[in-house]
Amino acid sequence: MGLLDSIVSAVGGDNTQGSAQAGLLPALMELVNNYPGGLSGLIQKFQEAGLGGVAASWVGDGPNEAVTPGQLQSVLGEDMVSQLAQRSGQDSSSVLGALSGLLPNLVDQATPNGEASLQSGQNNSLLGGLSGMLGKL
């Protein structure tokens, strides 16, 4: 199964959480693509917030550690969460809840070799492919 298929299957489904995650995915990919340092920069932000072990579990081969909506709020900040909410058409609380399930899977699938080194071109390609696949859900 390819990267796009893995992420889509992780966020797909008929439940409300899956729908919220699927609606948030394009906005999240845009955020990661435009974040200073890309995916590596976002992981660095988790390290600075004392959540380096959590983020490292997403990059590593073992099970992904959970992240709470409150932890995400602390790492991302109110402005970024508000931007994601606006872009996805959801409220901030829904965004944080969906991100708590989506972000670990996204980082895990985007770092198959244990390295957070996606370049902008790769992120753009990933975003385009995900957008097309999500339109089919």
Protein backbone atom coordinates (compact mmCIF):
# COMPACT_ATOMS: atom_id res chain seq x y z
CA MET A 1 0.00 0.00 0.00
CA GLY A 2 1.38 3.42 -0.94
CA LEU A 3 1.79 6.47 1.25
CA LEU A 4 -1.36 8.14 -0.02
CA ASP A 5 -3.43 4.98 0.37
CA SER A 6 -2.15 4.51 3.93
CA ILE A 7 -3.03 8.03 5.00
CA VAL A 8 -6.43 7.94 3.34
CA SER A 9 -7.25 4.60 4.96
CA ALA A 10 -6.14 6.01 8.32
CA VAL A 11 -8.55 8.93 8.01
CA GLY A 12 -11.31 7.36 5.96
CA GLY A 13 -14.43 5.78 7.30
CA ASP A 14 -18.05 6.48 7.92
CA ASN A 15 -17.74 7.85 11.44
CA THR A 16 -17.75 11.52 12.37
CA GLN A 17 -14.10 11.53 13.43
CA GLY A 18 -13.05 10.05 10.08
CA SER A 19 -15.07 12.67 8.21
CA ALA A 20 -13.58 15.47 10.30
CA GLN A 21 -10.08 14.13 9.66
CA ALA A 22 -10.68 13.77 5.92
CA GLY A 23 -11.95 17.37 5.76
CA LEU A 24 -8.92 18.59 7.67
CA LEU A 25 -6.26 16.69 5.74
CA PRO A 26 -5.77 19.17 2.84
CA ALA A 27 -5.48 22.09 5.30
CA LEU A 28 -3.02 20.12 7.42
CA MET A 29 -0.89 19.23 4.41
CA GLU A 30 -0.82 22.89 3.40
CA LEU A 31 0.23 23.83 6.94
CA VAL A 32 3.06 21.28 6.94
CA ASN A 33 4.18 22.37 3.48
CA ASN A 34 4.29 26.05 4.50
CA TYR A 35 5.60 25.53 8.04
CA PRO A 36 9.13 26.92 8.53
CA GLY A 37 11.33 23.86 8.06
CA GLY A 38 8.45 21.74 6.79
CA LEU A 39 7.78 18.50 8.61
CA SER A 40 11.15 18.68 10.38
CA GLY A 41 10.28 22.15 11.66
CA LEU A 42 6.95 20.94 13.00
CA ILE A 43 8.62 18.04 14.79
CA GLN A 44 11.15 20.50 16.24
CA LYS A 45 8.22 22.51 17.64
CA PHE A 46 7.02 19.39 19.48
CA GLN A 47 10.54 18.90 20.89
CA GLU A 48 10.63 22.50 22.11
CA ALA A 49 7.29 21.95 23.87
CA GLY A 50 8.65 18.93 25.74
CA LEU A 51 6.85 16.45 23.49
CA GLY A 52 9.89 15.24 21.57
CA GLY A 53 9.33 11.65 22.67
CA VAL A 54 5.77 11.72 21.37
CA ALA A 55 6.82 13.12 17.98
CA ALA A 56 9.76 10.71 17.82
CA SER A 57 7.35 7.78 18.21
CA TRP A 58 5.52 8.93 15.08
CA VAL A 59 8.77 9.03 13.10
CA GLY A 60 10.12 5.76 14.50
CA ASP A 61 9.09 2.20 13.71
CA GLY A 62 7.20 1.46 16.93
CA PRO A 63 3.65 2.34 17.90
CA ASN A 64 2.58 5.98 17.70
CA GLU A 65 2.15 7.67 21.07
CA ALA A 66 -1.08 9.60 21.51
CA VAL A 67 -1.24 13.37 21.61
CA THR A 68 -4.10 15.21 23.30
CA PRO A 69 -6.00 18.16 21.86
CA GLY A 70 -4.57 20.29 24.70
CA GLN A 71 -1.01 19.31 23.82
CA LEU A 72 -1.67 20.15 20.18
CA GLN A 73 -3.07 23.54 21.18
CA SER A 74 0.13 24.24 23.14
CA VAL A 75 2.41 23.22 20.28
CA LEU A 76 0.53 24.74 17.36
CA GLY A 77 -0.80 27.84 19.07
CA GLU A 78 -4.20 29.47 18.80
CA ASP A 79 -3.48 31.26 15.51
CA MET A 80 -2.49 28.10 13.66
CA VAL A 81 -5.44 26.14 15.03
CA SER A 82 -7.76 28.97 13.98
CA GLN A 83 -6.28 28.95 10.48
CA LEU A 84 -6.81 25.20 10.21
CA ALA A 85 -10.37 25.59 11.47
CA GLN A 86 -11.13 28.30 8.94
CA ARG A 87 -9.58 26.39 6.03
CA SER A 88 -11.35 23.14 6.91
CA GLY A 89 -14.72 24.69 7.81
CA GLN A 90 -14.65 23.24 11.33
CA ASP A 91 -14.50 24.78 14.78
CA SER A 92 -11.22 24.79 16.72
CA SER A 93 -12.33 22.07 19.12
CA SER A 94 -13.20 19.73 16.25
CA VAL A 95 -9.90 20.51 14.54
CA LEU A 96 -7.90 19.66 17.65
CA GLY A 97 -9.84 16.43 18.16
CA ALA A 98 -9.34 15.37 14.55
CA LEU A 99 -5.67 16.37 14.58
CA SER A 100 -5.00 14.22 17.62
CA GLY A 101 -5.75 11.19 15.47
CA LEU A 102 -4.59 12.48 12.11
CA LEU A 103 -1.22 14.08 12.83
CA PRO A 104 0.47 10.97 14.31
CA ASN A 105 -0.66 8.90 11.30
CA LEU A 106 0.40 11.57 8.82
CA VAL A 107 3.88 11.94 10.32
CA ASP A 108 4.23 8.16 10.62
CA GLN A 109 3.30 7.58 6.98
CA ALA A 110 5.40 10.51 5.75
CA THR A 111 8.55 9.20 7.47
CA PRO A 112 8.83 5.55 6.39
CA ASN A 113 12.62 5.53 6.85
CA GLY A 114 12.53 7.24 10.23
CA GLU A 115 13.51 10.61 8.79
CA ALA A 116 11.44 13.79 8.65
CA SER A 117 12.99 15.14 5.48
CA LEU A 118 10.15 15.83 3.05
CA GLN A 119 11.07 18.65 0.71
CA SER A 120 8.56 21.23 -0.50
CA GLY A 121 8.18 19.55 -3.89
CA GLN A 122 7.41 16.23 -2.25
CA ASN A 123 4.88 17.87 0.05
CA ASN A 124 3.17 19.56 -2.91
CA SER A 125 3.00 16.25 -4.75
CA LEU A 126 1.65 14.53 -1.65
CA LEU A 127 -0.95 17.27 -1.15
CA GLY A 128 -2.10 17.04 -4.76
CA GLY A 129 -2.44 13.28 -4.61
CA LEU A 130 -4.27 13.36 -1.30
CA SER A 131 -6.69 16.01 -2.53
CA GLY A 132 -7.55 13.88 -5.54
CA MET A 133 -8.01 10.74 -3.48
CA LEU A 134 -10.10 12.49 -0.82
CA GLY A 135 -12.45 13.72 -3.52
CA LYS A 136 -13.30 10.07 -4.16
CA LEU A 137 -14.22 9.28 -0.53
